[in-house]
Amino acid sequence: VNCNGFTIEDEELSHLGSAIFPDVALMNHSCCPNVIVTYKGTLAEVRAVKEIEPGEEVFTSYIDLLYPTEDRNDRLRDSYFFDCDCRECITKEKDKEKLEIRKLNDPPSAETVRDMIKYARNVIEEFRRAKHYKYILCLTLTLLACELLEICEFSLDKMGAVFEDSNVYMLHMMYQAMGVCLYVQDWEGALRYGQKIIRPYSKHYPSYSLNVASMWLKLGRLYMALENRTAGVNALKRAIAIMEVAHGKDHPYISEIKKELEDH
């Protein structure tokens, strides 16, 4: 189950459950996959997101593709017991952008950068472990929201002395902060974080990424809630454009989002 299970998520990538699809689980992993797996109810659907030549292997991704090569392979080793040898992992061509350092008159030393990366990875691991206790946290999250947000903001301030806002570790912490704001219904706060996240997401993730679609969807709904219809319509249309590739044009999620547009 740990190696072959699939996490079923809604249109905003909230966890709905887990399932085993034996045929779909036969696909190997690549950090530059040519198919994506989405769900229609309890049915798994596999769609091409790139041209696939006859005889070419079909690859999906087992992990979140936001992070740099070393982090991705750490996750693959921990969960699936292998190292990836895809083109992305061999060339590491996106790592420099994903780990962008702030441009300062007095640039940070290599040791300072290494220490900050280590700090960021430790913080991310703490949040990842906390997800195992999410049901307990949900019972008390309102009480903990201020503390959680303070942790996020402290980490952002600390990392921001070295990292650009587009650095994936900054984005990870902004995403956590946005989640807290959404939980406590601080729409303006959530929108501010989302606006900082979306452009780097669009650069770091593949063009068909559900993570990018989900962020456009969240932004669209926030804009609508805050009565900025023009920005809301634009964001929702961007989400639909990605989801039509990933989910198919006849998916119920897309019909629901189009109805939201009509209702507004």
C-alpha atoms as a PDB file:
ATOM      1  CA  VAL A   1       0.000   0.000   0.000  1.00  0.00           C
ATOM      2  CA  ASN A   2       2.791   2.460   0.870  1.00  0.00           C
ATOM      3  CA  CYS A   3       4.565   1.927  -2.452  1.00  0.00           C
ATOM      4  CA  ASN A   4       1.588   1.375  -4.760  1.00  0.00           C
ATOM      5  CA  GLY A   5      -1.223   3.370  -3.170  1.00  0.00           C
ATOM      6  CA  PHE A   6      -2.696   6.504  -4.749  1.00  0.00           C
ATOM      7  CA  THR A   7      -3.924   9.583  -2.904  1.00  0.00           C
ATOM      8  CA  ILE A   8      -7.309  10.686  -4.227  1.00  0.00           C
ATOM      9  CA  GLU A   9      -7.727  14.442  -4.039  1.00  0.00           C
ATOM     10  CA  ASP A  10     -10.378  17.011  -4.892  1.00  0.00           C
ATOM     11  CA  GLU A  11      -9.935  19.930  -7.286  1.00  0.00           C
ATOM     12  CA  GLU A  12      -8.025  21.938  -4.644  1.00  0.00           C
ATOM     13  CA  LEU A  13      -5.804  18.919  -3.845  1.00  0.00           C
ATOM     14  CA  SER A  14      -7.423  18.274  -0.458  1.00  0.00           C
ATOM     15  CA  HIS A  15      -7.067  14.635   0.587  1.00  0.00           C
ATOM     16  CA  LEU A  16     -10.224  12.533   0.048  1.00  0.00           C
ATOM     17  CA  GLY A  17      -8.809   9.043   0.548  1.00  0.00           C
ATOM     18  CA  SER A  18      -6.385   6.412  -0.691  1.00  0.00           C
ATOM     19  CA  ALA A  19      -6.813   3.581  -3.184  1.00  0.00           C
ATOM     20  CA  ILE A  20      -4.981   0.812  -5.004  1.00  0.00           C
ATOM     21  CA  PHE A  21      -5.178   0.666  -8.812  1.00  0.00           C
ATOM     22  CA  PRO A  22      -2.996  -2.347  -9.783  1.00  0.00           C
ATOM     23  CA  ASP A  23      -2.775  -1.512 -13.508  1.00  0.00           C
ATOM     24  CA  VAL A  24      -1.973   2.164 -12.928  1.00  0.00           C
ATOM     25  CA  ALA A  25       0.636   1.185 -10.319  1.00  0.00           C
ATOM     26  CA  LEU A  26       2.633  -0.626 -13.025  1.00  0.00           C
ATOM     27  CA  MET A  27       3.850   2.717 -14.394  1.00  0.00           C
ATOM     28  CA  ASN A  28       7.373   3.786 -13.485  1.00  0.00           C
ATOM     29  CA  HIS A  29       8.336   7.192 -12.114  1.00  0.00           C
ATOM     30  CA  SER A  30       9.999  10.131 -13.849  1.00  0.00           C
ATOM     31  CA  CYS A  31      10.519  13.702 -12.663  1.00  0.00           C
ATOM     32  CA  CYS A  32       9.591  14.773 -16.222  1.00  0.00           C
ATOM     33  CA  PRO A  33       6.553  12.473 -16.716  1.00  0.00           C
ATOM     34  CA  ASN A  34       4.556  12.181 -19.919  1.00  0.00           C
ATOM     35  CA  VAL A  35       1.228  11.243 -18.289  1.00  0.00           C
ATOM     36  CA  ILE A  36      -0.777  12.408 -15.287  1.00  0.00           C
ATOM     37  CA  VAL A  37      -3.188  10.428 -13.105  1.00  0.00           C
ATOM     38  CA  THR A  38      -6.456  12.083 -12.039  1.00  0.00           C
ATOM     39  CA  TYR A  39      -9.686  10.744 -10.594  1.00  0.00           C
ATOM     40  CA  LYS A  40     -13.366  10.741 -11.432  1.00  0.00           C
ATOM     41  CA  GLY A  41     -14.987   9.513  -8.259  1.00  0.00           C
ATOM     42  CA  THR A  42     -13.163   6.261  -7.496  1.00  0.00           C
ATOM     43  CA  LEU A  43     -12.048   5.785 -11.116  1.00  0.00           C
ATOM     44  CA  ALA A  44      -8.409   6.548 -11.942  1.00  0.00           C
ATOM     45  CA  GLU A  45      -7.809   8.124 -15.344  1.00  0.00           C
ATOM     46  CA  VAL A  46      -4.423   8.385 -17.087  1.00  0.00           C
ATOM     47  CA  ARG A  47      -3.895  11.146 -19.663  1.00  0.00           C
ATOM     48  CA  ALA A  48      -0.942  12.093 -21.821  1.00  0.00           C
ATOM     49  CA  VAL A  49       0.498  15.553 -21.150  1.00  0.00           C
ATOM     50  CA  LYS A  50       3.254  15.254 -23.786  1.00  0.00           C
ATOM     51  CA  GLU A  51       3.612  13.648 -27.169  1.00  0.00           C
ATOM     52  CA  ILE A  52       4.389   9.948 -26.661  1.00  0.00           C
ATOM     53  CA  GLU A  53       6.060   8.101 -29.510  1.00  0.00           C
ATOM     54  CA  PRO A  54       5.172   4.453 -30.340  1.00  0.00           C
ATOM     55  CA  GLY A  55       7.228   2.169 -28.088  1.00  0.00           C
ATOM     56  CA  GLU A  56       8.130   4.985 -25.687  1.00  0.00           C
ATOM     57  CA  GLU A  57       7.674   4.136 -22.000  1.00  0.00           C
ATOM     58  CA  VAL A  58       4.792   5.769 -20.138  1.00  0.00           C
ATOM     59  CA  PHE A  59       5.988   7.593 -17.003  1.00  0.00           C
ATOM     60  CA  THR A  60       4.056   9.216 -14.184  1.00  0.00           C
ATOM     61  CA  SER A  61       5.393  11.081 -11.142  1.00  0.00           C
ATOM     62  CA  TYR A  62       5.205   9.552  -7.679  1.00  0.00           C
ATOM     63  CA  ILE A  63       6.113  12.748  -5.835  1.00  0.00           C
ATOM     64  CA  ASP A  64       5.708  16.516  -5.694  1.00  0.00           C
ATOM     65  CA  LEU A  65       7.926  17.931  -8.454  1.00  0.00           C
ATOM     66  CA  LEU A  66       8.449  21.368  -6.896  1.00  0.00           C
ATOM     67  CA  TYR A  67      11.643  20.513  -5.028  1.00  0.00           C
ATOM     68  CA  PRO A  68      15.274  20.285  -6.226  1.00  0.00           C
ATOM     69  CA  THR A  69      16.917  17.028  -7.303  1.00  0.00           C
ATOM     70  CA  GLU A  70      18.455  16.050  -3.969  1.00  0.00           C
ATOM     71  CA  ASP A  71      15.155  16.539  -2.116  1.00  0.00           C
ATOM     72  CA  ARG A  72      13.182  14.598  -4.711  1.00  0.00           C
ATOM     73  CA  ASN A  73      15.558  11.663  -4.552  1.00  0.00           C
ATOM     74  CA  ASP A  74      15.571  11.701  -0.752  1.00  0.00           C
ATOM     75  CA  ARG A  75      11.783  11.361  -0.904  1.00  0.00           C
ATOM     76  CA  LEU A  76      11.952   8.600  -3.523  1.00  0.00           C
ATOM     77  CA  ARG A  77      14.482   6.639  -1.475  1.00  0.00           C
ATOM     78  CA  ASP A  78      12.452   7.022   1.727  1.00  0.00           C
ATOM     79  CA  SER A  79       9.120   6.040   0.196  1.00  0.00           C
ATOM     80  CA  TYR A  80       9.937   3.904  -2.860  1.00  0.00           C
ATOM     81  CA  PHE A  81      13.524   2.698  -2.312  1.00  0.00           C
ATOM     82  CA  PHE A  82      15.160   3.908  -5.535  1.00  0.00           C
ATOM     83  CA  ASP A  83      17.039   6.845  -7.066  1.00  0.00           C
ATOM     84  CA  CYS A  84      15.638   8.495 -10.184  1.00  0.00           C
ATOM     85  CA  ASP A  85      17.810   8.640 -13.300  1.00  0.00           C
ATOM     86  CA  CYS A  86      15.480  10.714 -15.491  1.00  0.00           C
ATOM     87  CA  ARG A  87      16.814  13.577 -17.609  1.00  0.00           C
ATOM     88  CA  GLU A  88      15.791  16.131 -14.971  1.00  0.00           C
ATOM     89  CA  CYS A  89      17.721  14.333 -12.234  1.00  0.00           C
ATOM     90  CA  ILE A  90      20.827  13.827 -14.394  1.00  0.00           C
ATOM     91  CA  THR A  91      21.049  17.418 -15.669  1.00  0.00           C
ATOM     92  CA  LYS A  92      19.692  19.166 -12.535  1.00  0.00           C
ATOM     93  CA  GLU A  93      18.972  22.046 -14.902  1.00  0.00           C
ATOM     94  CA  LYS A  94      16.143  23.531 -12.810  1.00  0.00           C
ATOM     95  CA  ASP A  95      17.908  23.345  -9.449  1.00  0.00           C
ATOM     96  CA  LYS A  96      19.579  26.761  -9.674  1.00  0.00           C
ATOM     97  CA  GLU A  97      16.263  28.552 -10.202  1.00  0.00           C
ATOM     98  CA  LYS A  98      14.539  26.482  -7.528  1.00  0.00           C
ATOM     99  CA  LEU A  99      17.260  27.373  -5.015  1.00  0.00           C
ATOM    100  CA  GLU A 100      17.611  31.026  -6.034  1.00  0.00           C
ATOM    101  CA  ILE A 101      19.680  33.097  -3.620  1.00  0.00           C
ATOM    102  CA  ARG A 102      18.850  36.711  -2.790  1.00  0.00           C
ATOM    103  CA  LYS A 103      20.957  39.215  -4.721  1.00  0.00           C
ATOM    104  CA  LEU A 104      22.785  41.245  -2.097  1.00  0.00           C
ATOM    105  CA  ASN A 105      25.724  43.658  -2.137  1.00  0.00           C
ATOM    106  CA  ASP A 106      27.420  41.275   0.271  1.00  0.00           C
ATOM    107  CA  PRO A 107      26.419  37.807  -1.029  1.00  0.00           C
ATOM    108  CA  PRO A 108      25.978  35.053   1.582  1.00  0.00           C
ATOM    109  CA  SER A 109      28.806  32.555   1.861  1.00  0.00           C
ATOM    110  CA  ALA A 110      28.463  29.019   0.549  1.00  0.00           C
ATOM    111  CA  GLU A 111      28.402  27.804   4.163  1.00  0.00           C
ATOM    112  CA  THR A 112      25.559  30.202   5.037  1.00  0.00           C
ATOM    113  CA  VAL A 113      23.555  28.953   2.055  1.00  0.00           C
ATOM    114  CA  ARG A 114      24.181  25.308   3.014  1.00  0.00           C
ATOM    115  CA  ASP A 115      23.111  25.988   6.598  1.00  0.00           C
ATOM    116  CA  MET A 116      19.931  27.724   5.449  1.00  0.00           C
ATOM    117  CA  ILE A 117      19.055  24.861   3.101  1.00  0.00           C
ATOM    118  CA  LYS A 118      19.552  22.445   6.004  1.00  0.00           C
ATOM    119  CA  TYR A 119      17.309  24.602   8.202  1.00  0.00           C
ATOM    120  CA  ALA A 120      14.623  24.756   5.495  1.00  0.00           C
ATOM    121  CA  ARG A 121      14.665  20.990   4.966  1.00  0.00           C
ATOM    122  CA  ASN A 122      14.299  20.400   8.702  1.00  0.00           C
ATOM    123  CA  VAL A 123      11.306  22.745   8.895  1.00  0.00           C
ATOM    124  CA  ILE A 124       9.669  21.053   5.902  1.00  0.00           C
ATOM    125  CA  GLU A 125      10.190  17.641   7.497  1.00  0.00           C
ATOM    126  CA  GLU A 126       8.558  18.867  10.713  1.00  0.00           C
ATOM    127  CA  PHE A 127       5.483  20.001   8.784  1.00  0.00           C
ATOM    128  CA  ARG A 128       5.428  16.713   6.853  1.00  0.00           C
ATOM    129  CA  ARG A 129       5.488  14.704  10.072  1.00  0.00           C
ATOM    130  CA  ALA A 130       2.721  16.876  11.488  1.00  0.00           C
ATOM    131  CA  LYS A 131       0.426  15.771   8.659  1.00  0.00           C
ATOM    132  CA  HIS A 132       0.299  12.326  10.264  1.00  0.00           C
ATOM    133  CA  TYR A 133      -1.510  13.963  13.170  1.00  0.00           C
ATOM    134  CA  LYS A 134      -3.743  16.209  11.093  1.00  0.00           C
ATOM    135  CA  TYR A 135      -7.005  14.869  12.517  1.00  0.00           C
ATOM    136  CA  ILE A 136      -5.837  15.706  16.040  1.00  0.00           C
ATOM    137  CA  LEU A 137      -4.594  19.070  14.863  1.00  0.00           C
ATOM    138  CA  CYS A 138      -7.931  19.839  13.203  1.00  0.00           C
ATOM    139  CA  LEU A 139      -9.612  19.663  16.594  1.00  0.00           C
ATOM    140  CA  THR A 140      -7.357  22.327  18.031  1.00  0.00           C
ATOM    141  CA  LEU A 141      -6.156  24.209  14.961  1.00  0.00           C
ATOM    142  CA  THR A 142      -8.169  27.327  15.733  1.00  0.00           C
ATOM    143  CA  LEU A 143      -6.273  27.618  19.023  1.00  0.00           C
ATOM    144  CA  LEU A 144      -2.962  26.870  17.328  1.00  0.00           C
ATOM    145  CA  ALA A 145      -3.496  29.013  14.232  1.00  0.00           C
ATOM    146  CA  CYS A 146      -1.671  32.059  15.595  1.00  0.00           C
ATOM    147  CA  GLU A 147       1.264  29.922  16.726  1.00  0.00           C
ATOM    148  CA  LEU A 148       1.432  28.090  13.380  1.00  0.00           C
ATOM    149  CA  LEU A 149       1.321  31.349  11.463  1.00  0.00           C
ATOM    150  CA  GLU A 150       4.050  32.778  13.687  1.00  0.00           C
ATOM    151  CA  ILE A 151       6.249  29.749  12.925  1.00  0.00           C
ATOM    152  CA  CYS A 152       5.687  30.249   9.193  1.00  0.00           C
ATOM    153  CA  GLU A 153       6.397  33.982   9.376  1.00  0.00           C
ATOM    154  CA  PHE A 154       9.500  33.458  11.518  1.00  0.00           C
ATOM    155  CA  SER A 155      10.829  30.881   9.044  1.00  0.00           C
ATOM    156  CA  LEU A 156      10.066  33.167   6.095  1.00  0.00           C
ATOM    157  CA  ASP A 157      11.927  36.055   7.748  1.00  0.00           C
ATOM    158  CA  LYS A 158      14.900  33.837   8.580  1.00  0.00           C
ATOM    159  CA  MET A 159      15.120  32.220   5.140  1.00  0.00           C
ATOM    160  CA  GLY A 160      14.303  35.487   3.371  1.00  0.00           C
ATOM    161  CA  ALA A 161      17.643  36.917   4.492  1.00  0.00           C
ATOM    162  CA  VAL A 162      19.286  34.422   2.120  1.00  0.00           C
ATOM    163  CA  PHE A 163      16.629  33.127  -0.294  1.00  0.00           C
ATOM    164  CA  GLU A 164      14.595  34.919  -2.959  1.00  0.00           C
ATOM    165  CA  ASP A 165      10.806  34.670  -2.618  1.00  0.00           C
ATOM    166  CA  SER A 166      10.803  32.328  -5.638  1.00  0.00           C
ATOM    167  CA  ASN A 167      13.039  29.818  -3.807  1.00  0.00           C
ATOM    168  CA  VAL A 168      11.065  26.590  -3.338  1.00  0.00           C
ATOM    169  CA  TYR A 169      11.678  26.533   0.422  1.00  0.00           C
ATOM    170  CA  MET A 170      10.147  30.008   0.714  1.00  0.00           C
ATOM    171  CA  LEU A 171       7.220  28.855  -1.423  1.00  0.00           C
ATOM    172  CA  HIS A 172       6.689  25.811   0.780  1.00  0.00           C
ATOM    173  CA  MET A 173       6.414  27.977   3.888  1.00  0.00           C
ATOM    174  CA  MET A 174       4.160  30.497   2.138  1.00  0.00           C
ATOM    175  CA  TYR A 175       1.867  27.611   1.157  1.00  0.00           C
ATOM    176  CA  GLN A 176       1.680  26.456   4.786  1.00  0.00           C
ATOM    177  CA  ALA A 177       0.888  30.011   5.892  1.00  0.00           C
ATOM    178  CA  MET A 178      -1.793  30.311   3.202  1.00  0.00           C
ATOM    179  CA  GLY A 179      -3.373  27.095   4.463  1.00  0.00           C
ATOM    180  CA  VAL A 180      -3.612  28.470   8.002  1.00  0.00           C
ATOM    181  CA  CYS A 181      -5.172  31.695   6.699  1.00  0.00           C
ATOM    182  CA  LEU A 182      -7.757  29.717   4.733  1.00  0.00           C
ATOM    183  CA  TYR A 183      -8.618  27.615   7.795  1.00  0.00           C
ATOM    184  CA  VAL A 184      -9.294  30.662   9.971  1.00  0.00           C
ATOM    185  CA  GLN A 185     -11.062  32.425   7.053  1.00  0.00           C
ATOM    186  CA  ASP A 186      -8.524  35.221   6.753  1.00  0.00           C
ATOM    187  CA  TRP A 187      -9.241  35.653   3.033  1.00  0.00           C
ATOM    188  CA  GLU A 188      -7.048  38.727   2.580  1.00  0.00           C
ATOM    189  CA  GLY A 189      -4.062  37.006   4.215  1.00  0.00           C
ATOM    190  CA  ALA A 190      -4.549  33.869   2.126  1.00  0.00           C
ATOM    191  CA  LEU A 191      -4.766  35.955  -1.040  1.00  0.00           C
ATOM    192  CA  ARG A 192      -1.523  37.804  -0.254  1.00  0.00           C
ATOM    193  CA  TYR A 193       0.362  34.521   0.091  1.00  0.00           C
ATOM    194  CA  GLY A 194      -1.298  33.036  -2.981  1.00  0.00           C
ATOM    195  CA  GLN A 195      -0.336  36.029  -5.118  1.00  0.00           C
ATOM    196  CA  LYS A 196       3.314  35.549  -4.123  1.00  0.00           C
ATOM    197  CA  ILE A 197       3.184  31.810  -4.840  1.00  0.00           C
ATOM    198  CA  ILE A 198       1.486  31.550  -8.228  1.00  0.00           C
ATOM    199  CA  ARG A 199       4.158  32.970 -10.568  1.00  0.00           C
ATOM    200  CA  PRO A 200       7.073  30.922  -9.189  1.00  0.00           C
ATOM    201  CA  TYR A 201       4.785  27.855  -9.138  1.00  0.00           C
ATOM    202  CA  SER A 202       4.099  28.378 -12.825  1.00  0.00           C
ATOM    203  CA  LYS A 203       7.844  28.523 -13.477  1.00  0.00           C
ATOM    204  CA  HIS A 204       8.963  25.589 -11.314  1.00  0.00           C
ATOM    205  CA  TYR A 205       6.162  23.116 -12.053  1.00  0.00           C
ATOM    206  CA  PRO A 206       5.371  21.524 -15.441  1.00  0.00           C
ATOM    207  CA  SER A 207       2.769  23.439 -17.453  1.00  0.00           C
ATOM    208  CA  TYR A 208       0.059  20.822 -16.843  1.00  0.00           C
ATOM    209  CA  SER A 209       0.632  20.684 -13.057  1.00  0.00           C
ATOM    210  CA  LEU A 210      -2.388  20.190 -10.828  1.00  0.00           C
ATOM    211  CA  ASN A 211      -0.524  22.169  -8.154  1.00  0.00           C
ATOM    212  CA  VAL A 212      -0.600  25.217 -10.429  1.00  0.00           C
ATOM    213  CA  ALA A 213      -4.250  24.607 -11.364  1.00  0.00           C
ATOM    214  CA  SER A 214      -5.160  24.265  -7.694  1.00  0.00           C
ATOM    215  CA  MET A 215      -3.437  27.534  -6.822  1.00  0.00           C
ATOM    216  CA  TRP A 216      -5.228  29.399  -9.643  1.00  0.00           C
ATOM    217  CA  LEU A 217      -8.481  27.872  -8.404  1.00  0.00           C
ATOM    218  CA  LYS A 218      -7.870  28.980  -4.819  1.00  0.00           C
ATOM    219  CA  LEU A 219      -6.949  32.473  -6.017  1.00  0.00           C
ATOM    220  CA  GLY A 220     -10.020  32.681  -8.228  1.00  0.00           C
ATOM    221  CA  ARG A 221     -12.336  31.762  -5.381  1.00  0.00           C
ATOM    222  CA  LEU A 222     -10.603  34.211  -3.043  1.00  0.00           C
ATOM    223  CA  TYR A 223     -10.882  37.032  -5.575  1.00  0.00           C
ATOM    224  CA  MET A 224     -14.581  36.237  -6.014  1.00  0.00           C
ATOM    225  CA  ALA A 225     -15.145  36.184  -2.239  1.00  0.00           C
ATOM    226  CA  LEU A 226     -13.440  39.574  -2.000  1.00  0.00           C
ATOM    227  CA  GLU A 227     -15.561  40.916  -4.891  1.00  0.00           C
ATOM    228  CA  ASN A 228     -12.756  41.286  -7.419  1.00  0.00           C
ATOM    229  CA  ARG A 229     -14.656  39.593 -10.239  1.00  0.00           C
ATOM    230  CA  THR A 230     -12.262  40.470 -13.068  1.00  0.00           C
ATOM    231  CA  ALA A 231      -9.266  38.899 -11.344  1.00  0.00           C
ATOM    232  CA  GLY A 232     -11.442  35.997 -10.173  1.00  0.00           C
ATOM    233  CA  VAL A 233     -12.661  35.153 -13.671  1.00  0.00           C
ATOM    234  CA  ASN A 234      -9.124  35.319 -15.064  1.00  0.00           C
ATOM    235  CA  ALA A 235      -7.760  33.002 -12.346  1.00  0.00           C
ATOM    236  CA  LEU A 236     -10.594  30.467 -12.692  1.00  0.00           C
ATOM    237  CA  LYS A 237     -10.141  30.364 -16.470  1.00  0.00           C
ATOM    238  CA  ARG A 238      -6.432  29.643 -15.991  1.00  0.00           C
ATOM    239  CA  ALA A 239      -7.324  26.779 -13.662  1.00  0.00           C
ATOM    240  CA  ILE A 240      -9.805  25.382 -16.188  1.00  0.00           C
ATOM    241  CA  ALA A 241      -7.241  25.494 -19.017  1.00  0.00           C
ATOM    242  CA  ILE A 242      -4.893  23.205 -17.064  1.00  0.00           C
ATOM    243  CA  MET A 243      -7.638  20.961 -15.711  1.00  0.00           C
ATOM    244  CA  GLU A 244      -9.064  20.331 -19.182  1.00  0.00           C
ATOM    245  CA  VAL A 245      -5.730  18.698 -20.046  1.00  0.00           C
ATOM    246  CA  ALA A 246      -5.290  16.837 -16.762  1.00  0.00           C
ATOM    247  CA  HIS A 247      -8.895  15.818 -16.036  1.00  0.00           C
ATOM    248  CA  GLY A 248     -10.528  15.922 -19.463  1.00  0.00           C
ATOM    249  CA  LYS A 249     -13.035  18.510 -20.652  1.00  0.00           C
ATOM    250  CA  ASP A 250     -16.047  16.515 -19.442  1.00  0.00           C
ATOM    251  CA  HIS A 251     -14.917  16.165 -15.821  1.00  0.00           C
ATOM    252  CA  PRO A 252     -17.472  17.214 -13.158  1.00  0.00           C
ATOM    253  CA  TYR A 253     -14.896  19.499 -11.479  1.00  0.00           C
ATOM    254  CA  ILE A 254     -14.700  21.613 -14.627  1.00  0.00           C
ATOM    255  CA  SER A 255     -18.478  21.796 -14.921  1.00  0.00           C
ATOM    256  CA  GLU A 256     -18.639  22.987 -11.302  1.00  0.00           C
ATOM    257  CA  ILE A 257     -16.048  25.716 -11.872  1.00  0.00           C
ATOM    258  CA  LYS A 258     -17.789  26.898 -15.036  1.00  0.00           C
ATOM    259  CA  LYS A 259     -21.026  27.107 -13.037  1.00  0.00           C
ATOM    260  CA  GLU A 260     -19.204  29.259 -10.457  1.00  0.00           C
ATOM    261  CA  LEU A 261     -18.265  31.610 -13.283  1.00  0.00           C
ATOM    262  CA  GLU A 262     -21.856  31.771 -14.494  1.00  0.00           C
ATOM    263  CA  ASP A 263     -23.187  32.392 -10.971  1.00  0.00           C
ATOM    264  CA  HIS A 264     -20.855  35.363 -10.554  1.00  0.00           C
END
